[in-house]
Amino acid sequence: MDLGVAEMHPDNQVAARAADSMVNWPSIGAEEFENLQFDQFCHDENFHREISRLTVKERLTHMTLHFAKYSGYLANDPDDLRLRRTITDLFVIGLSTLNGLNVRAHPLVTEIGQIEDTSRSALARRVAILAGEMASACERLDHLEEFPYRQTLQGAAATMVALALSAAEARQWSMPLLVKERLQRVKEKSIFYGRL
């Protein structure tokens, strides 16, 4: 019996939508992706100066802690609002991490490709693994061990971006709109909101 997408279990709905959208990956074109990445850079410079002024190593460690936090959120069976926010945060912190490494996101995300399984359990598992890889790179850098730090951090951050975008698309959420809404809430907390 062939069920329509609306009649399927929510995780199966996500997989069905993901399969339909793989043809047009990524849905965000190179120019729009670059605009999102630049907007994230400007946002960080204006609203997260305490982080953007850290050394590269300290900033990458800070971003890794964000990813670990999101891993915890996803493992704790988040409600729909928390899930949406976490997926959005994975995307923006991924872009911020790639900005810290001075690399463009779009070519990397295109090369990674769309991630098919973005069910809640798969998302939680994948984010935990990637955050662990990033934590390992940061910890090994402290010891100056022989290890491909940059490649590991860049690859994991780019995969977080691809994973977040895949998860949003599978749920028919507009990532540019989610990002705009999320960053707006942060901007409004600043005493200089409206002047920056």
Protein backbone atom coordinates (compact mmCIF):
# COMPACT_ATOMS: atom_id res chain seq x y z
CA MET A 1 0.00 0.00 0.00
CA ASP A 2 1.48 3.35 -1.07
CA LEU A 3 0.85 6.04 1.52
CA GLY A 4 0.91 9.74 0.68
CA VAL A 5 3.61 11.78 2.41
CA ALA A 6 1.08 13.33 4.81
CA GLU A 7 -0.03 9.85 6.00
CA MET A 8 3.49 8.63 6.80
CA HIS A 9 5.29 8.59 10.15
CA PRO A 10 7.06 11.99 10.60
CA ASP A 11 10.56 10.50 10.16
CA ASN A 12 9.43 8.77 6.95
CA GLN A 13 7.91 12.05 5.73
CA VAL A 14 11.29 13.70 6.18
CA ALA A 15 13.02 10.96 4.18
CA ALA A 16 10.44 11.15 1.38
CA ARG A 17 10.79 14.92 1.07
CA ALA A 18 14.57 14.67 1.14
CA ALA A 19 14.54 12.21 -1.76
CA ASP A 20 12.32 14.58 -3.76
CA SER A 21 14.59 17.59 -3.19
CA MET A 22 17.95 15.93 -3.95
CA VAL A 23 17.62 16.90 -7.61
CA ASN A 24 18.11 20.62 -6.89
CA TRP A 25 20.94 20.51 -4.34
CA PRO A 26 21.65 22.87 -2.80
CA SER A 27 18.47 24.88 -3.13
CA ILE A 28 20.41 28.01 -2.16
CA GLY A 29 22.46 29.25 -5.11
CA ALA A 30 26.10 30.30 -4.88
CA GLU A 31 25.33 34.02 -4.74
CA GLU A 32 22.64 33.70 -2.06
CA PHE A 33 24.90 31.35 -0.08
CA GLU A 34 27.71 33.90 -0.25
CA ASN A 35 25.31 36.64 0.89
CA LEU A 36 24.23 34.51 3.86
CA GLN A 37 27.85 33.85 4.73
CA PHE A 38 28.77 37.54 4.48
CA ASP A 39 25.70 38.52 6.52
CA GLN A 40 26.85 36.06 9.19
CA PHE A 41 30.31 37.66 9.16
CA CYS A 42 28.81 41.14 9.61
CA HIS A 43 26.46 39.87 12.31
CA ASP A 44 29.35 38.32 14.23
CA GLU A 45 31.46 41.48 13.93
CA ASN A 46 28.64 43.70 15.18
CA PHE A 47 26.82 41.53 17.70
CA HIS A 48 29.40 38.98 18.89
CA ARG A 49 32.54 41.10 19.11
CA GLU A 50 33.72 39.21 22.18
CA ILE A 51 33.91 36.06 20.03
CA SER A 52 35.11 37.58 16.76
CA ARG A 53 38.06 39.12 18.65
CA LEU A 54 39.28 35.77 19.97
CA THR A 55 42.28 34.05 18.42
CA VAL A 56 41.37 31.63 15.64
CA LYS A 57 42.05 28.66 17.90
CA GLU A 58 39.90 30.08 20.72
CA ARG A 59 37.12 30.91 18.27
CA LEU A 60 37.15 27.41 16.78
CA THR A 61 37.01 25.92 20.26
CA HIS A 62 34.08 28.21 21.09
CA MET A 63 32.22 27.08 17.94
CA THR A 64 32.92 23.46 18.84
CA LEU A 65 31.28 24.06 22.21
CA HIS A 66 28.21 25.40 20.39
CA PHE A 67 28.01 22.21 18.34
CA ALA A 68 28.35 20.11 21.52
CA LYS A 69 25.46 22.09 23.04
CA TYR A 70 23.30 21.42 19.97
CA SER A 71 24.19 17.75 20.18
CA GLY A 72 22.77 17.73 23.70
CA TYR A 73 19.60 19.48 22.57
CA LEU A 74 19.05 16.93 19.80
CA ALA A 75 19.73 13.96 22.11
CA ASN A 76 17.11 15.28 24.55
CA ASP A 77 14.15 14.72 22.15
CA PRO A 78 13.46 18.42 21.41
CA ASP A 79 10.00 19.77 20.70
CA ASP A 80 9.37 21.20 17.21
CA LEU A 81 10.37 24.75 18.16
CA ARG A 82 13.66 23.64 19.76
CA LEU A 83 14.35 21.38 16.75
CA ARG A 84 13.80 24.26 14.32
CA ARG A 85 16.04 26.59 16.34
CA THR A 86 18.76 23.95 16.68
CA ILE A 87 18.80 23.21 12.96
CA THR A 88 19.02 26.95 12.27
CA ASP A 89 21.81 27.35 14.82
CA LEU A 90 23.76 24.46 13.27
CA PHE A 91 23.65 26.35 9.97
CA VAL A 92 24.66 29.79 11.30
CA ILE A 93 27.40 28.48 13.59
CA GLY A 94 28.64 26.34 10.71
CA LEU A 95 28.87 29.44 8.52
CA SER A 96 30.57 31.36 11.32
CA THR A 97 33.11 28.54 11.72
CA LEU A 98 33.84 28.51 7.99
CA ASN A 99 34.23 32.30 8.10
CA GLY A 100 36.80 31.85 10.85
CA LEU A 101 38.66 29.47 8.54
CA ASN A 102 38.26 31.89 5.60
CA VAL A 103 36.57 29.41 3.25
CA ARG A 104 33.44 29.68 1.12
CA ALA A 105 30.60 27.40 2.20
CA HIS A 106 28.77 26.84 -1.09
CA PRO A 107 31.44 24.77 -2.91
CA LEU A 108 31.97 22.58 0.15
CA VAL A 109 28.25 22.01 0.72
CA THR A 110 27.76 21.25 -2.97
CA GLU A 111 30.59 18.71 -2.85
CA ILE A 112 29.24 17.05 0.32
CA GLY A 113 25.82 16.73 -1.25
CA GLN A 114 22.44 16.51 0.35
CA ILE A 115 22.26 14.28 3.40
CA GLU A 116 19.37 11.91 2.96
CA ASP A 117 18.55 10.77 6.49
CA THR A 118 17.76 13.79 8.64
CA SER A 119 15.30 12.10 10.96
CA ARG A 120 15.59 13.25 14.56
CA SER A 121 17.61 10.21 15.60
CA ALA A 122 19.95 10.41 12.58
CA LEU A 123 20.42 14.15 13.10
CA ALA A 124 21.28 13.67 16.78
CA ARG A 125 23.76 10.91 15.99
CA ARG A 126 25.46 12.78 13.14
CA VAL A 127 25.81 16.03 15.08
CA ALA A 128 27.27 14.15 18.07
CA ILE A 129 29.86 12.44 15.85
CA LEU A 130 30.83 15.68 14.10
CA ALA A 131 31.04 17.64 17.36
CA GLY A 132 33.22 14.87 18.77
CA GLU A 133 35.54 15.05 15.76
CA MET A 134 35.84 18.80 16.22
CA ALA A 135 36.49 18.45 19.95
CA SER A 136 39.20 15.89 19.21
CA ALA A 137 40.87 18.30 16.78
CA CYS A 138 40.77 21.15 19.32
CA GLU A 139 42.15 18.95 22.11
CA ARG A 140 44.94 17.55 19.92
CA LEU A 141 45.91 21.06 18.88
CA ASP A 142 46.49 21.88 22.56
CA HIS A 143 49.06 19.08 22.62
CA LEU A 144 50.47 19.93 19.16
CA GLU A 145 49.91 16.32 18.10
CA GLU A 146 50.32 15.36 14.47
CA PHE A 147 46.78 15.67 13.23
CA PRO A 148 44.96 17.33 10.29
CA TYR A 149 43.29 20.02 12.43
CA ARG A 150 42.18 22.37 9.70
CA GLN A 151 40.83 19.65 7.43
CA THR A 152 38.93 18.05 10.30
CA LEU A 153 37.40 21.30 11.56
CA GLN A 154 36.59 22.56 8.06
CA GLY A 155 35.08 19.24 6.98
CA ALA A 156 32.95 18.91 10.11
CA ALA A 157 31.72 22.53 9.93
CA ALA A 158 30.83 22.21 6.25
CA THR A 159 29.02 18.94 6.97
CA MET A 160 27.08 20.66 9.78
CA VAL A 161 25.96 23.30 7.25
CA ALA A 162 24.98 20.63 4.70
CA LEU A 163 23.20 18.62 7.40
CA ALA A 164 21.26 21.64 8.66
CA LEU A 165 20.26 22.67 5.15
CA SER A 166 19.25 19.10 4.30
CA ALA A 167 17.17 18.86 7.49
CA ALA A 168 15.43 22.18 6.77
CA GLU A 169 14.69 21.28 3.17
CA ALA A 170 13.34 17.86 4.15
CA ARG A 171 10.90 19.63 6.47
CA GLN A 172 10.08 22.26 3.82
CA TRP A 173 11.57 25.10 5.87
CA SER A 174 13.27 28.03 4.18
CA MET A 175 16.78 28.27 5.63
CA PRO A 176 17.30 31.91 4.54
CA LEU A 177 14.06 32.85 6.35
CA LEU A 178 15.00 30.84 9.45
CA VAL A 179 18.41 32.54 9.55
CA LYS A 180 16.90 36.00 9.15
CA GLU A 181 14.45 35.37 12.00
CA ARG A 182 17.12 33.89 14.27
CA LEU A 183 19.67 36.67 13.76
CA GLN A 184 16.99 39.32 14.22
CA ARG A 185 16.20 38.02 17.71
CA VAL A 186 19.90 38.26 18.62
CA LYS A 187 20.24 41.77 17.19
CA GLU A 188 17.27 43.03 19.21
CA LYS A 189 19.09 42.14 22.45
CA SER A 190 21.82 44.71 21.75
CA ILE A 191 21.63 48.15 23.33
CA PHE A 192 22.78 49.48 19.93
CA TYR A 193 20.09 47.69 17.96
CA GLY A 194 18.93 49.93 15.14
CA ARG A 195 22.23 51.84 15.09
CA LEU A 196 24.55 49.08 13.89
